Amino acid sequence: MTMTRTAIKAFAKTFSKDEDGATAIEYGLFAALVGAVIVGTVATLGGQTNEGFATMSQALTDNKPASTATP
């Protein structure tokens, strides 16, 4: 029984000193933060961009060029 307990203690000490998992978690959190910023930016600017494209589309369908001057 004590041999099992000793093995578990040794494994726990080794596992607590291993920092590979912590690095992976940090990268995951950073990726999630970047994703949240991208989603927030698109949500904020999406309506304005859509209005701009709708205006340009309407101008193109009206067949009214902005300038008819020839060089």
N, C-alpha and C. Protein backbone atom coordinates (compact mmCIF):
# COMPACT_ATOMS: atom_id res chain seq x y z
N MET A 1 0.83 -1.20 0.00
CA MET A 1 0.00 0.00 0.00
C MET A 1 0.87 1.26 0.00
N THR A 2 1.94 1.26 0.76
CA THR A 2 2.79 2.44 0.82
C THR A 2 3.53 2.66 -0.49
N MET A 3 3.79 1.57 -1.22
CA MET A 3 4.45 1.71 -2.51
C MET A 3 3.54 2.45 -3.49
N THR A 4 2.26 2.16 -3.47
CA THR A 4 1.31 2.85 -4.34
C THR A 4 1.22 4.32 -3.96
N ARG A 5 1.17 4.57 -2.67
CA ARG A 5 1.08 5.96 -2.19
C ARG A 5 2.34 6.73 -2.59
N THR A 6 3.50 6.12 -2.50
CA THR A 6 4.76 6.75 -2.88
C THR A 6 4.78 7.03 -4.38
N ALA A 7 4.30 6.08 -5.16
CA ALA A 7 4.26 6.27 -6.62
C ALA A 7 3.32 7.42 -6.98
N ILE A 8 2.19 7.52 -6.32
CA ILE A 8 1.24 8.61 -6.58
C ILE A 8 1.84 9.95 -6.21
N LYS A 9 2.55 10.01 -5.07
CA LYS A 9 3.20 11.26 -4.68
C LYS A 9 4.26 11.67 -5.68
N ALA A 10 5.04 10.71 -6.17
CA ALA A 10 6.08 11.02 -7.15
C ALA A 10 5.45 11.52 -8.45
N PHE A 11 4.38 10.87 -8.88
CA PHE A 11 3.69 11.30 -10.09
C PHE A 11 3.12 12.70 -9.93
N ALA A 12 2.54 13.01 -8.77
CA ALA A 12 1.96 14.33 -8.52
C ALA A 12 3.03 15.42 -8.54
N LYS A 13 4.19 15.13 -7.97
CA LYS A 13 5.28 16.11 -7.99
C LYS A 13 5.77 16.36 -9.40
N THR A 14 5.92 15.30 -10.16
CA THR A 14 6.38 15.44 -11.55
C THR A 14 5.35 16.20 -12.37
N PHE A 15 4.08 15.87 -12.17
CA PHE A 15 3.00 16.51 -12.92
C PHE A 15 2.89 17.99 -12.59
N SER A 16 3.09 18.36 -11.32
CA SER A 16 2.98 19.76 -10.93
C SER A 16 4.12 20.62 -11.46
N LYS A 17 5.28 20.00 -11.72
CA LYS A 17 6.43 20.74 -12.25
C LYS A 17 6.40 20.86 -13.77
N ASP A 18 5.57 20.07 -14.44
CA ASP A 18 5.48 20.10 -15.90
C ASP A 18 4.71 21.34 -16.32
N GLU A 19 5.32 22.19 -17.17
CA GLU A 19 4.70 23.45 -17.57
C GLU A 19 4.20 23.44 -19.02
N ASP A 20 4.26 22.30 -19.70
CA ASP A 20 3.80 22.24 -21.08
C ASP A 20 2.31 22.51 -21.19
N GLY A 21 1.54 21.96 -20.28
CA GLY A 21 0.09 22.17 -20.31
C GLY A 21 -0.28 23.62 -20.06
N ALA A 22 0.45 24.29 -19.18
CA ALA A 22 0.17 25.70 -18.90
C ALA A 22 0.41 26.56 -20.13
N THR A 23 1.44 26.24 -20.88
CA THR A 23 1.73 26.99 -22.10
C THR A 23 0.62 26.81 -23.11
N ALA A 24 0.12 25.60 -23.27
CA ALA A 24 -0.98 25.35 -24.20
C ALA A 24 -2.23 26.10 -23.78
N ILE A 25 -2.50 26.16 -22.50
CA ILE A 25 -3.67 26.89 -22.01
C ILE A 25 -3.52 28.38 -22.29
N GLU A 26 -2.32 28.90 -22.10
CA GLU A 26 -2.09 30.33 -22.37
C GLU A 26 -2.32 30.65 -23.84
N TYR A 27 -1.83 29.79 -24.74
CA TYR A 27 -2.06 30.01 -26.16
C TYR A 27 -3.54 29.91 -26.50
N GLY A 28 -4.24 29.00 -25.88
CA GLY A 28 -5.68 28.87 -26.10
C GLY A 28 -6.43 30.10 -25.65
N LEU A 29 -6.08 30.63 -24.49
CA LEU A 29 -6.73 31.85 -24.00
C LEU A 29 -6.43 33.04 -24.90
N PHE A 30 -5.20 33.13 -25.39
CA PHE A 30 -4.84 34.22 -26.30
C PHE A 30 -5.63 34.12 -27.60
N ALA A 31 -5.76 32.91 -28.14
CA ALA A 31 -6.53 32.72 -29.37
C ALA A 31 -7.99 33.08 -29.15
N ALA A 32 -8.54 32.73 -28.00
CA ALA A 32 -9.93 33.08 -27.70
C ALA A 32 -10.10 34.59 -27.59
N LEU A 33 -9.13 35.28 -27.01
CA LEU A 33 -9.18 36.73 -26.90
C LEU A 33 -9.15 37.38 -28.28
N VAL A 34 -8.27 36.90 -29.14
CA VAL A 34 -8.18 37.46 -30.50
C VAL A 34 -9.50 37.22 -31.24
N GLY A 35 -10.07 36.04 -31.09
CA GLY A 35 -11.35 35.74 -31.72
C GLY A 35 -12.45 36.64 -31.22
N ALA A 36 -12.49 36.91 -29.92
CA ALA A 36 -13.52 37.78 -29.35
C ALA A 36 -13.38 39.21 -29.89
N VAL A 37 -12.15 39.68 -30.05
CA VAL A 37 -11.93 41.02 -30.59
C VAL A 37 -12.39 41.08 -32.04
N ILE A 38 -12.11 40.05 -32.81
CA ILE A 38 -12.55 40.03 -34.21
C ILE A 38 -14.07 40.02 -34.30
N VAL A 39 -14.73 39.21 -33.50
CA VAL A 39 -16.19 39.16 -33.51
C VAL A 39 -16.78 40.50 -33.09
N GLY A 40 -16.21 41.12 -32.08
CA GLY A 40 -16.70 42.43 -31.63
C GLY A 40 -16.54 43.49 -32.69
N THR A 41 -15.41 43.49 -33.39
CA THR A 41 -15.17 44.47 -34.44
C THR A 41 -16.12 44.27 -35.60
N VAL A 42 -16.32 43.04 -36.02
CA VAL A 42 -17.23 42.77 -37.13
C VAL A 42 -18.66 43.14 -36.75
N ALA A 43 -19.06 42.85 -35.53
CA ALA A 43 -20.41 43.20 -35.08
C ALA A 43 -20.60 44.72 -35.04
N THR A 44 -19.56 45.44 -34.66
CA THR A 44 -19.66 46.90 -34.57
C THR A 44 -19.67 47.55 -35.94
N LEU A 45 -18.78 47.11 -36.81
CA LEU A 45 -18.64 47.75 -38.11
C LEU A 45 -19.46 47.09 -39.21
N GLY A 46 -20.08 45.97 -38.92
CA GLY A 46 -20.82 45.23 -39.94
C GLY A 46 -21.96 46.02 -40.54
N GLY A 47 -22.72 46.71 -39.73
CA GLY A 47 -23.85 47.49 -40.22
C GLY A 47 -23.42 48.63 -41.12
N GLN A 48 -22.36 49.33 -40.73
CA GLN A 48 -21.86 50.43 -41.53
C GLN A 48 -21.32 49.93 -42.86
N THR A 49 -20.64 48.82 -42.85
CA THR A 49 -20.10 48.26 -44.08
C THR A 49 -21.23 47.83 -45.00
N ASN A 50 -22.25 47.23 -44.43
CA ASN A 50 -23.40 46.79 -45.23
C ASN A 50 -24.09 47.99 -45.87
N GLU A 51 -24.25 49.08 -45.15
CA GLU A 51 -24.85 50.29 -45.71
C GLU A 51 -24.01 50.85 -46.85
N GLY A 52 -22.70 50.83 -46.70
CA GLY A 52 -21.81 51.32 -47.76
C GLY A 52 -21.93 50.50 -49.02
N PHE A 53 -21.97 49.18 -48.89
CA PHE A 53 -22.13 48.32 -50.06
C PHE A 53 -23.50 48.50 -50.70
N ALA A 54 -24.52 48.68 -49.89
CA ALA A 54 -25.86 48.88 -50.43
C ALA A 54 -25.92 50.19 -51.22
N THR A 55 -25.28 51.24 -50.73
CA THR A 55 -25.24 52.52 -51.44
C THR A 55 -24.51 52.37 -52.77
N MET A 56 -23.37 51.70 -52.76
CA MET A 56 -22.64 51.51 -54.01
C MET A 56 -23.42 50.65 -54.99
N SER A 57 -24.07 49.63 -54.50
CA SER A 57 -24.86 48.76 -55.36
C SER A 57 -26.01 49.53 -55.99
N GLN A 58 -26.65 50.37 -55.21
CA GLN A 58 -27.76 51.17 -55.73
C GLN A 58 -27.26 52.15 -56.79
N ALA A 59 -26.11 52.75 -56.58
CA ALA A 59 -25.54 53.69 -57.55
C ALA A 59 -25.19 52.97 -58.85
N LEU A 60 -24.69 51.75 -58.76
CA LEU A 60 -24.35 51.00 -59.96
C LEU A 60 -25.60 50.56 -60.72
N THR A 61 -26.65 50.21 -60.01
CA THR A 61 -27.87 49.77 -60.69
C THR A 61 -28.63 50.94 -61.29
N ASP A 62 -28.41 52.13 -60.78
CA ASP A 62 -29.08 53.31 -61.35
C ASP A 62 -28.44 53.73 -62.67
N ASN A 63 -27.28 53.17 -62.99
CA ASN A 63 -26.55 53.50 -64.22
C ASN A 63 -26.23 54.98 -64.33
N LYS A 64 -25.92 55.59 -63.24
CA LYS A 64 -25.55 56.99 -63.23
C LYS A 64 -24.08 57.07 -62.81
N PRO A 65 -23.15 57.12 -63.76
CA PRO A 65 -21.75 57.21 -63.37
C PRO A 65 -21.47 58.52 -62.65
N ALA A 66 -20.53 58.49 -61.75
CA ALA A 66 -20.20 59.67 -60.97
C ALA A 66 -19.60 60.75 -61.85
N SER A 67 -18.84 60.39 -62.88
CA SER A 67 -18.22 61.37 -63.76
C SER A 67 -18.31 60.87 -65.19
N THR A 68 -18.83 61.70 -66.09
CA THR A 68 -18.93 61.31 -67.49
C THR A 68 -17.90 62.01 -68.36
N ALA A 69 -17.00 62.73 -67.74
CA ALA A 69 -15.96 63.44 -68.49
C ALA A 69 -14.96 62.45 -69.08
N THR A 70 -14.56 62.69 -70.34
CA THR A 70 -13.57 61.84 -70.98
C THR A 70 -12.25 62.56 -71.01
N PRO A 71 -11.18 61.85 -70.88
CA PRO A 71 -9.86 62.51 -70.85
C PRO A 71 -9.41 62.98 -72.21
